[in-house]
């Protein structure tokens, strides 16, 4: 299973998007929902 995280200066690392092994499920942070595709 894989994911993308990001960390900006002074901020905690956050999960931006994650995808399951078989691509059947994906997660998006609210901050990128509608703009990001994993």
ModelCIF file with pLDDT and N, C-alpha, C, O atoms, coordinates in Angstrom:
data_MODEL
#
_entry.id   MODEL 
#
_entity.id                         1 
_entity.type                       polymer 
_entity.pdbx_number_of_molecules   1 
#
_entity_poly.entity_id                      1 
_entity_poly.type                           'polypeptide(L)' 
_entity_poly.nstd_linkage                   no 
_entity_poly.nstd_monomer                   no 
_entity_poly.pdbx_seq_one_letter_code       
;(UNK)(UNK)(UNK)(UNK)(UNK)(UNK)(UNK)(UNK)(UNK)(UNK)(UNK)(UNK)(UNK)(UNK)(UNK)(UNK)
(UNK)(UNK)(UNK)(UNK)(UNK)(UNK)(UNK)(UNK)(UNK)(UNK)(UNK)(UNK)(UNK)(UNK)(UNK)(UNK)
(UNK)(UNK)(UNK)(UNK)(UNK)(UNK)
;
_entity_poly.pdbx_seq_one_letter_code_can   XXXXXXXXXXXXXXXXXXXXXXXXXXXXXXXXXXXXXX 
_entity_poly.pdbx_strand_id                 A 
#
loop_
_entity_poly_seq.entity_id 
_entity_poly_seq.num 
_entity_poly_seq.mon_id 
_entity_poly_seq.hetero 
1 1  UNK n 
1 2  UNK n 
1 3  UNK n 
1 4  UNK n 
1 5  UNK n 
1 6  UNK n 
1 7  UNK n 
1 8  UNK n 
1 9  UNK n 
1 10 UNK n 
1 11 UNK n 
1 12 UNK n 
1 13 UNK n 
1 14 UNK n 
1 15 UNK n 
1 16 UNK n 
1 17 UNK n 
1 18 UNK n 
1 19 UNK n 
1 20 UNK n 
1 21 UNK n 
1 22 UNK n 
1 23 UNK n 
1 24 UNK n 
1 25 UNK n 
1 26 UNK n 
1 27 UNK n 
1 28 UNK n 
1 29 UNK n 
1 30 UNK n 
1 31 UNK n 
1 32 UNK n 
1 33 UNK n 
1 34 UNK n 
1 35 UNK n 
1 36 UNK n 
1 37 UNK n 
1 38 UNK n 
#
_struct_asym.id          A 
_struct_asym.entity_id   1 
#
loop_
_ma_qa_metric.id 
_ma_qa_metric.mode 
_ma_qa_metric.name 
_ma_qa_metric.software_group_id 
_ma_qa_metric.type 
1 global pLDDT . pLDDT 
2 local  pLDDT . pLDDT 
#
_ma_qa_metric_global.metric_id      1 
_ma_qa_metric_global.metric_value   96.82 
_ma_qa_metric_global.model_id       1 
_ma_qa_metric_global.ordinal_id     1 
#
loop_
_ma_qa_metric_local.label_asym_id 
_ma_qa_metric_local.label_comp_id 
_ma_qa_metric_local.label_seq_id 
_ma_qa_metric_local.metric_id 
_ma_qa_metric_local.metric_value 
_ma_qa_metric_local.model_id 
_ma_qa_metric_local.ordinal_id 
A UNK 1  2 97.00 1 1  
A UNK 2  2 98.00 1 2  
A UNK 3  2 98.00 1 3  
A UNK 4  2 98.00 1 4  
A UNK 5  2 98.00 1 5  
A UNK 6  2 98.00 1 6  
A UNK 7  2 98.00 1 7  
A UNK 8  2 96.00 1 8  
A UNK 9  2 92.00 1 9  
A UNK 10 2 93.00 1 10 
A UNK 11 2 95.00 1 11 
A UNK 12 2 95.00 1 12 
A UNK 13 2 96.00 1 13 
A UNK 14 2 97.00 1 14 
A UNK 15 2 98.00 1 15 
A UNK 16 2 98.00 1 16 
A UNK 17 2 98.00 1 17 
A UNK 18 2 98.00 1 18 
A UNK 19 2 98.00 1 19 
A UNK 20 2 96.00 1 20 
A UNK 21 2 95.00 1 21 
A UNK 22 2 94.00 1 22 
A UNK 23 2 95.00 1 23 
A UNK 24 2 95.00 1 24 
A UNK 25 2 97.00 1 25 
A UNK 26 2 98.00 1 26 
A UNK 27 2 98.00 1 27 
A UNK 28 2 98.00 1 28 
A UNK 29 2 98.00 1 29 
A UNK 30 2 97.00 1 30 
A UNK 31 2 96.00 1 31 
A UNK 32 2 97.00 1 32 
A UNK 33 2 97.00 1 33 
A UNK 34 2 97.00 1 34 
A UNK 35 2 98.00 1 35 
A UNK 36 2 98.00 1 36 
A UNK 37 2 98.00 1 37 
A UNK 38 2 98.00 1 38 
#
loop_
_atom_site.group_PDB 
_atom_site.id 
_atom_site.type_symbol 
_atom_site.label_atom_id 
_atom_site.label_alt_id 
_atom_site.label_comp_id 
_atom_site.label_asym_id 
_atom_site.label_entity_id 
_atom_site.label_seq_id 
_atom_site.pdbx_PDB_ins_code 
_atom_site.Cartn_x 
_atom_site.Cartn_y 
_atom_site.Cartn_z 
_atom_site.occupancy 
_atom_site.B_iso_or_equiv 
_atom_site.pdbx_formal_charge 
_atom_site.auth_seq_id 
_atom_site.auth_comp_id 
_atom_site.auth_asym_id 
_atom_site.auth_atom_id 
_atom_site.pdbx_PDB_model_num 
ATOM 1   N N  . UNK A 1 1  ? 0.879   -1.164 0.000  1.00 97.00 ? 1  UNK A N  1 
ATOM 2   C CA . UNK A 1 1  ? 0.000   0.000  0.000  1.00 97.00 ? 1  UNK A CA 1 
ATOM 3   C C  . UNK A 1 1  ? 0.920   1.219  0.000  1.00 97.00 ? 1  UNK A C  1 
ATOM 4   O O  . UNK A 1 1  ? 1.968   1.208  0.646  1.00 97.00 ? 1  UNK A O  1 
ATOM 5   N N  . UNK A 1 2  ? 0.534   2.258  -0.716 1.00 98.00 ? 2  UNK A N  1 
ATOM 6   C CA . UNK A 1 2  ? 1.416   3.416  -0.866 1.00 98.00 ? 2  UNK A CA 1 
ATOM 7   C C  . UNK A 1 2  ? 0.655   4.711  -0.610 1.00 98.00 ? 2  UNK A C  1 
ATOM 8   O O  . UNK A 1 2  ? -0.575  4.754  -0.648 1.00 98.00 ? 2  UNK A O  1 
ATOM 9   N N  . UNK A 1 3  ? 1.411   5.742  -0.353 1.00 98.00 ? 3  UNK A N  1 
ATOM 10  C CA . UNK A 1 3  ? 0.807   7.042  -0.064 1.00 98.00 ? 3  UNK A CA 1 
ATOM 11  C C  . UNK A 1 3  ? 1.779   8.160  -0.384 1.00 98.00 ? 3  UNK A C  1 
ATOM 12  O O  . UNK A 1 3  ? 2.984   7.948  -0.520 1.00 98.00 ? 3  UNK A O  1 
ATOM 13  N N  . UNK A 1 4  ? 1.230   9.339  -0.500 1.00 98.00 ? 4  UNK A N  1 
ATOM 14  C CA . UNK A 1 4  ? 2.007   10.570 -0.606 1.00 98.00 ? 4  UNK A CA 1 
ATOM 15  C C  . UNK A 1 4  ? 1.765   11.398 0.653  1.00 98.00 ? 4  UNK A C  1 
ATOM 16  O O  . UNK A 1 4  ? 0.625   11.619 1.062  1.00 98.00 ? 4  UNK A O  1 
ATOM 17  N N  . UNK A 1 5  ? 2.844   11.840 1.247  1.00 98.00 ? 5  UNK A N  1 
ATOM 18  C CA . UNK A 1 5  ? 2.799   12.763 2.366  1.00 98.00 ? 5  UNK A CA 1 
ATOM 19  C C  . UNK A 1 5  ? 3.490   14.051 1.939  1.00 98.00 ? 5  UNK A C  1 
ATOM 20  O O  . UNK A 1 5  ? 4.228   14.084 0.955  1.00 98.00 ? 5  UNK A O  1 
ATOM 21  N N  . UNK A 1 6  ? 3.236   15.100 2.693  1.00 98.00 ? 6  UNK A N  1 
ATOM 22  C CA . UNK A 1 6  ? 3.968   16.338 2.471  1.00 98.00 ? 6  UNK A CA 1 
ATOM 23  C C  . UNK A 1 6  ? 4.242   17.013 3.800  1.00 98.00 ? 6  UNK A C  1 
ATOM 24  O O  . UNK A 1 6  ? 3.526   16.830 4.784  1.00 98.00 ? 6  UNK A O  1 
ATOM 25  N N  . UNK A 1 7  ? 5.303   17.796 3.791  1.00 98.00 ? 7  UNK A N  1 
ATOM 26  C CA . UNK A 1 7  ? 5.651   18.558 4.989  1.00 98.00 ? 7  UNK A CA 1 
ATOM 27  C C  . UNK A 1 7  ? 6.154   19.921 4.578  1.00 98.00 ? 7  UNK A C  1 
ATOM 28  O O  . UNK A 1 7  ? 7.140   20.052 3.854  1.00 98.00 ? 7  UNK A O  1 
ATOM 29  N N  . UNK A 1 8  ? 5.460   20.925 5.053  1.00 96.00 ? 8  UNK A N  1 
ATOM 30  C CA . UNK A 1 8  ? 5.856   22.310 4.830  1.00 96.00 ? 8  UNK A CA 1 
ATOM 31  C C  . UNK A 1 8  ? 6.639   22.793 6.049  1.00 96.00 ? 8  UNK A C  1 
ATOM 32  O O  . UNK A 1 8  ? 6.481   22.237 7.136  1.00 96.00 ? 8  UNK A O  1 
ATOM 33  N N  . UNK A 1 9  ? 7.468   23.802 5.893  1.00 92.00 ? 9  UNK A N  1 
ATOM 34  C CA . UNK A 1 9  ? 8.265   24.307 7.022  1.00 92.00 ? 9  UNK A CA 1 
ATOM 35  C C  . UNK A 1 9  ? 7.391   24.697 8.202  1.00 92.00 ? 9  UNK A C  1 
ATOM 36  O O  . UNK A 1 9  ? 6.424   25.445 8.064  1.00 92.00 ? 9  UNK A O  1 
ATOM 37  N N  . UNK A 1 10 ? 7.756   24.170 9.373  1.00 93.00 ? 10 UNK A N  1 
ATOM 38  C CA . UNK A 1 10 ? 7.020   24.515 10.576 1.00 93.00 ? 10 UNK A CA 1 
ATOM 39  C C  . UNK A 1 10 ? 5.730   23.759 10.786 1.00 93.00 ? 10 UNK A C  1 
ATOM 40  O O  . UNK A 1 10 ? 5.044   23.965 11.787 1.00 93.00 ? 10 UNK A O  1 
ATOM 41  N N  . UNK A 1 11 ? 5.393   22.891 9.862  1.00 95.00 ? 11 UNK A N  1 
ATOM 42  C CA . UNK A 1 11 ? 4.150   22.139 9.968  1.00 95.00 ? 11 UNK A CA 1 
ATOM 43  C C  . UNK A 1 11 ? 4.437   20.643 10.086 1.00 95.00 ? 11 UNK A C  1 
ATOM 44  O O  . UNK A 1 11 ? 5.510   20.168 9.715  1.00 95.00 ? 11 UNK A O  1 
ATOM 45  N N  . UNK A 1 12 ? 3.462   19.920 10.607 1.00 95.00 ? 12 UNK A N  1 
ATOM 46  C CA . UNK A 1 12 ? 3.600   18.475 10.702 1.00 95.00 ? 12 UNK A CA 1 
ATOM 47  C C  . UNK A 1 12 ? 3.418   17.824 9.336  1.00 95.00 ? 12 UNK A C  1 
ATOM 48  O O  . UNK A 1 12 ? 2.766   18.368 8.445  1.00 95.00 ? 12 UNK A O  1 
ATOM 49  N N  . UNK A 1 13 ? 4.001   16.669 9.205  1.00 96.00 ? 13 UNK A N  1 
ATOM 50  C CA . UNK A 1 13 ? 3.831   15.913 7.971  1.00 96.00 ? 13 UNK A CA 1 
ATOM 51  C C  . UNK A 1 13 ? 2.386   15.427 7.884  1.00 96.00 ? 13 UNK A C  1 
ATOM 52  O O  . UNK A 1 13 ? 1.829   14.926 8.861  1.00 96.00 ? 13 UNK A O  1 
ATOM 53  N N  . UNK A 1 14 ? 1.791   15.578 6.713  1.00 97.00 ? 14 UNK A N  1 
ATOM 54  C CA . UNK A 1 14 ? 0.407   15.154 6.545  1.00 97.00 ? 14 UNK A CA 1 
ATOM 55  C C  . UNK A 1 14 ? 0.282   14.207 5.363  1.00 97.00 ? 14 UNK A C  1 
ATOM 56  O O  . UNK A 1 14 ? 1.032   14.299 4.391  1.00 97.00 ? 14 UNK A O  1 
ATOM 57  N N  . UNK A 1 15 ? -0.671  13.304 5.463  1.00 98.00 ? 15 UNK A N  1 
ATOM 58  C CA . UNK A 1 15 ? -0.966  12.409 4.361  1.00 98.00 ? 15 UNK A CA 1 
ATOM 59  C C  . UNK A 1 15 ? -1.829  13.143 3.357  1.00 98.00 ? 15 UNK A C  1 
ATOM 60  O O  . UNK A 1 15 ? -2.933  13.581 3.679  1.00 98.00 ? 15 UNK A O  1 
ATOM 61  N N  . UNK A 1 16 ? -1.334  13.276 2.158  1.00 98.00 ? 16 UNK A N  1 
ATOM 62  C CA . UNK A 1 16 ? -2.062  13.964 1.101  1.00 98.00 ? 16 UNK A CA 1 
ATOM 63  C C  . UNK A 1 16 ? -3.013  13.007 0.391  1.00 98.00 ? 16 UNK A C  1 
ATOM 64  O O  . UNK A 1 16 ? -4.167  13.338 0.120  1.00 98.00 ? 16 UNK A O  1 
ATOM 65  N N  . UNK A 1 17 ? -2.504  11.819 0.097  1.00 98.00 ? 17 UNK A N  1 
ATOM 66  C CA . UNK A 1 17 ? -3.312  10.829 -0.607 1.00 98.00 ? 17 UNK A CA 1 
ATOM 67  C C  . UNK A 1 17 ? -2.725  9.445  -0.357 1.00 98.00 ? 17 UNK A C  1 
ATOM 68  O O  . UNK A 1 17 ? -1.519  9.296  -0.160 1.00 98.00 ? 17 UNK A O  1 
ATOM 69  N N  . UNK A 1 18 ? -3.582  8.447  -0.366 1.00 98.00 ? 18 UNK A N  1 
ATOM 70  C CA . UNK A 1 18 ? -3.147  7.062  -0.176 1.00 98.00 ? 18 UNK A CA 1 
ATOM 71  C C  . UNK A 1 18 ? -3.956  6.165  -1.092 1.00 98.00 ? 18 UNK A C  1 
ATOM 72  O O  . UNK A 1 18 ? -5.098  6.474  -1.432 1.00 98.00 ? 18 UNK A O  1 
ATOM 73  N N  . UNK A 1 19 ? -3.362  5.060  -1.488 1.00 98.00 ? 19 UNK A N  1 
ATOM 74  C CA . UNK A 1 19 ? -4.045  4.132  -2.384 1.00 98.00 ? 19 UNK A CA 1 
ATOM 75  C C  . UNK A 1 19 ? -3.776  2.699  -1.926 1.00 98.00 ? 19 UNK A C  1 
ATOM 76  O O  . UNK A 1 19 ? -2.682  2.362  -1.472 1.00 98.00 ? 19 UNK A O  1 
ATOM 77  N N  . UNK A 1 20 ? -4.805  1.873  -2.061 1.00 96.00 ? 20 UNK A N  1 
ATOM 78  C CA . UNK A 1 20 ? -4.685  0.489  -1.633 1.00 96.00 ? 20 UNK A CA 1 
ATOM 79  C C  . UNK A 1 20 ? -3.870  -0.339 -2.623 1.00 96.00 ? 20 UNK A C  1 
ATOM 80  O O  . UNK A 1 20 ? -3.551  0.107  -3.725 1.00 96.00 ? 20 UNK A O  1 
ATOM 81  N N  . UNK A 1 21 ? -3.549  -1.535 -2.203 1.00 95.00 ? 21 UNK A N  1 
ATOM 82  C CA . UNK A 1 21 ? -2.744  -2.414 -3.030 1.00 95.00 ? 21 UNK A CA 1 
ATOM 83  C C  . UNK A 1 21 ? -3.372  -2.671 -4.400 1.00 95.00 ? 21 UNK A C  1 
ATOM 84  O O  . UNK A 1 21 ? -2.678  -2.733 -5.415 1.00 95.00 ? 21 UNK A O  1 
ATOM 85  N N  . UNK A 1 22 ? -4.702  -2.820 -4.407 1.00 94.00 ? 22 UNK A N  1 
ATOM 86  C CA . UNK A 1 22 ? -5.391  -3.168 -5.655 1.00 94.00 ? 22 UNK A CA 1 
ATOM 87  C C  . UNK A 1 22 ? -6.047  -1.973 -6.322 1.00 94.00 ? 22 UNK A C  1 
ATOM 88  O O  . UNK A 1 22 ? -6.821  -2.139 -7.264 1.00 94.00 ? 22 UNK A O  1 
ATOM 89  N N  . UNK A 1 23 ? -5.750  -0.774 -5.849 1.00 95.00 ? 23 UNK A N  1 
ATOM 90  C CA . UNK A 1 23 ? -6.292  0.488  -6.393 1.00 95.00 ? 23 UNK A CA 1 
ATOM 91  C C  . UNK A 1 23 ? -7.796  0.635  -6.191 1.00 95.00 ? 23 UNK A C  1 
ATOM 92  O O  . UNK A 1 23 ? -8.399  1.548  -6.754 1.00 95.00 ? 23 UNK A O  1 
ATOM 93  N N  . UNK A 1 24 ? -8.402  -0.220 -5.418 1.00 95.00 ? 24 UNK A N  1 
ATOM 94  C CA . UNK A 1 24 ? -9.857  -0.129 -5.246 1.00 95.00 ? 24 UNK A CA 1 
ATOM 95  C C  . UNK A 1 24 ? -10.266 1.006  -4.321 1.00 95.00 ? 24 UNK A C  1 
ATOM 96  O O  . UNK A 1 24 ? -11.398 1.485  -4.385 1.00 95.00 ? 24 UNK A O  1 
ATOM 97  N N  . UNK A 1 25 ? -9.361  1.433  -3.471 1.00 97.00 ? 25 UNK A N  1 
ATOM 98  C CA . UNK A 1 25 ? -9.667  2.511  -2.532 1.00 97.00 ? 25 UNK A CA 1 
ATOM 99  C C  . UNK A 1 25 ? -8.571  3.560  -2.542 1.00 97.00 ? 25 UNK A C  1 
ATOM 100 O O  . UNK A 1 25 ? -7.385  3.257  -2.678 1.00 97.00 ? 25 UNK A O  1 
ATOM 101 N N  . UNK A 1 26 ? -9.003  4.794  -2.395 1.00 98.00 ? 26 UNK A N  1 
ATOM 102 C CA . UNK A 1 26 ? -8.067  5.910  -2.308 1.00 98.00 ? 26 UNK A CA 1 
ATOM 103 C C  . UNK A 1 26 ? -8.559  6.881  -1.250 1.00 98.00 ? 26 UNK A C  1 
ATOM 104 O O  . UNK A 1 26 ? -9.759  7.033  -1.020 1.00 98.00 ? 26 UNK A O  1 
ATOM 105 N N  . UNK A 1 27 ? -7.612  7.520  -0.624 1.00 98.00 ? 27 UNK A N  1 
ATOM 106 C CA . UNK A 1 27 ? -7.900  8.534  0.399  1.00 98.00 ? 27 UNK A CA 1 
ATOM 107 C C  . UNK A 1 27 ? -7.282  9.854  -0.062 1.00 98.00 ? 27 UNK A C  1 
ATOM 108 O O  . UNK A 1 27 ? -6.196  9.887  -0.640 1.00 98.00 ? 27 UNK A O  1 
ATOM 109 N N  . UNK A 1 28 ? -8.011  10.944 0.213  1.00 98.00 ? 28 UNK A N  1 
ATOM 110 C CA . UNK A 1 28 ? -7.482  12.276 -0.070 1.00 98.00 ? 28 UNK A CA 1 
ATOM 111 C C  . UNK A 1 28 ? -7.699  13.178 1.136  1.00 98.00 ? 28 UNK A C  1 
ATOM 112 O O  . UNK A 1 28 ? -8.762  13.167 1.756  1.00 98.00 ? 28 UNK A O  1 
ATOM 113 N N  . UNK A 1 29 ? -6.691  13.945 1.451  1.00 98.00 ? 29 UNK A N  1 
ATOM 114 C CA . UNK A 1 29 ? -6.867  14.969 2.476  1.00 98.00 ? 29 UNK A CA 1 
ATOM 115 C C  . UNK A 1 29 ? -7.834  16.026 1.953  1.00 98.00 ? 29 UNK A C  1 
ATOM 116 O O  . UNK A 1 29 ? -7.915  16.269 0.749  1.00 98.00 ? 29 UNK A O  1 
ATOM 117 N N  . UNK A 1 30 ? -8.555  16.642 2.862  1.00 97.00 ? 30 UNK A N  1 
ATOM 118 C CA . UNK A 1 30 ? -9.499  17.680 2.457  1.00 97.00 ? 30 UNK A CA 1 
ATOM 119 C C  . UNK A 1 30 ? -8.808  18.788 1.673  1.00 97.00 ? 30 UNK A C  1 
ATOM 120 O O  . UNK A 1 30 ? -9.401  19.400 0.784  1.00 97.00 ? 30 UNK A O  1 
ATOM 121 N N  . UNK A 1 31 ? -7.563  19.033 2.010  1.00 96.00 ? 31 UNK A N  1 
ATOM 122 C CA . UNK A 1 31 ? -6.826  20.130 1.379  1.00 96.00 ? 31 UNK A CA 1 
ATOM 123 C C  . UNK A 1 31 ? -6.572  19.907 -0.112 1.00 96.00 ? 31 UNK A C  1 
ATOM 124 O O  . UNK A 1 31 ? -6.319  20.862 -0.845 1.00 96.00 ? 31 UNK A O  1 
ATOM 125 N N  . UNK A 1 32 ? -6.638  18.658 -0.563 1.00 97.00 ? 32 UNK A N  1 
ATOM 126 C CA . UNK A 1 32 ? -6.366  18.374 -1.981 1.00 97.00 ? 32 UNK A CA 1 
ATOM 127 C C  . UNK A 1 32 ? -7.536  17.700 -2.676 1.00 97.00 ? 32 UNK A C  1 
ATOM 128 O O  . UNK A 1 32 ? -7.477  17.427 -3.875 1.00 97.00 ? 32 UNK A O  1 
ATOM 129 N N  . UNK A 1 33 ? -8.597  17.433 -1.932 1.00 97.00 ? 33 UNK A N  1 
ATOM 130 C CA . UNK A 1 33 ? -9.742  16.742 -2.514 1.00 97.00 ? 33 UNK A CA 1 
ATOM 131 C C  . UNK A 1 33 ? -10.283 17.541 -3.691 1.00 97.00 ? 33 UNK A C  1 
ATOM 132 O O  . UNK A 1 33 ? -10.524 18.742 -3.574 1.00 97.00 ? 33 UNK A O  1 
ATOM 133 N N  . UNK A 1 34 ? -10.472 16.881 -4.809 1.00 97.00 ? 34 UNK A N  1 
ATOM 134 C CA . UNK A 1 34 ? -10.936 17.539 -6.023 1.00 97.00 ? 34 UNK A CA 1 
ATOM 135 C C  . UNK A 1 34 ? -9.817  18.100 -6.885 1.00 97.00 ? 34 UNK A C  1 
ATOM 136 O O  . UNK A 1 34 ? -10.043 18.457 -8.041 1.00 97.00 ? 34 UNK A O  1 
ATOM 137 N N  . UNK A 1 35 ? -8.618  18.179 -6.334 1.00 98.00 ? 35 UNK A N  1 
ATOM 138 C CA . UNK A 1 35 ? -7.466  18.697 -7.092 1.00 98.00 ? 35 UNK A CA 1 
ATOM 139 C C  . UNK A 1 35 ? -6.363  17.660 -7.254 1.00 98.00 ? 35 UNK A C  1 
ATOM 140 O O  . UNK A 1 35 ? -5.501  17.795 -8.122 1.00 98.00 ? 35 UNK A O  1 
ATOM 141 N N  . UNK A 1 36 ? -6.389  16.646 -6.434 1.00 98.00 ? 36 UNK A N  1 
ATOM 142 C CA . UNK A 1 36 ? -5.350  15.634 -6.456 1.00 98.00 ? 36 UNK A CA 1 
ATOM 143 C C  . UNK A 1 36 ? -5.891  14.278 -6.882 1.00 98.00 ? 36 UNK A C  1 
ATOM 144 O O  . UNK A 1 36 ? -7.028  13.921 -6.576 1.00 98.00 ? 36 UNK A O  1 
ATOM 145 N N  . UNK A 1 37 ? -5.056  13.531 -7.591 1.00 98.00 ? 37 UNK A N  1 
ATOM 146 C CA . UNK A 1 37 ? -5.418  12.173 -7.983 1.00 98.00 ? 37 UNK A CA 1 
ATOM 147 C C  . UNK A 1 37 ? -4.218  11.272 -7.779 1.00 98.00 ? 37 UNK A C  1 
ATOM 148 O O  . UNK A 1 37 ? -3.149  11.505 -8.345 1.00 98.00 ? 37 UNK A O  1 
ATOM 149 N N  . UNK A 1 38 ? -4.399  10.244 -6.968 1.00 98.00 ? 38 UNK A N  1 
ATOM 150 C CA . UNK A 1 38 ? -3.344  9.258  -6.766 1.00 98.00 ? 38 UNK A CA 1 
ATOM 151 C C  . UNK A 1 38 ? -3.662  8.041  -7.627 1.00 98.00 ? 38 UNK A C  1 
ATOM 152 O O  . UNK A 1 38 ? -2.908  7.068  -7.623 1.00 98.00 ? 38 UNK A O  1 
#
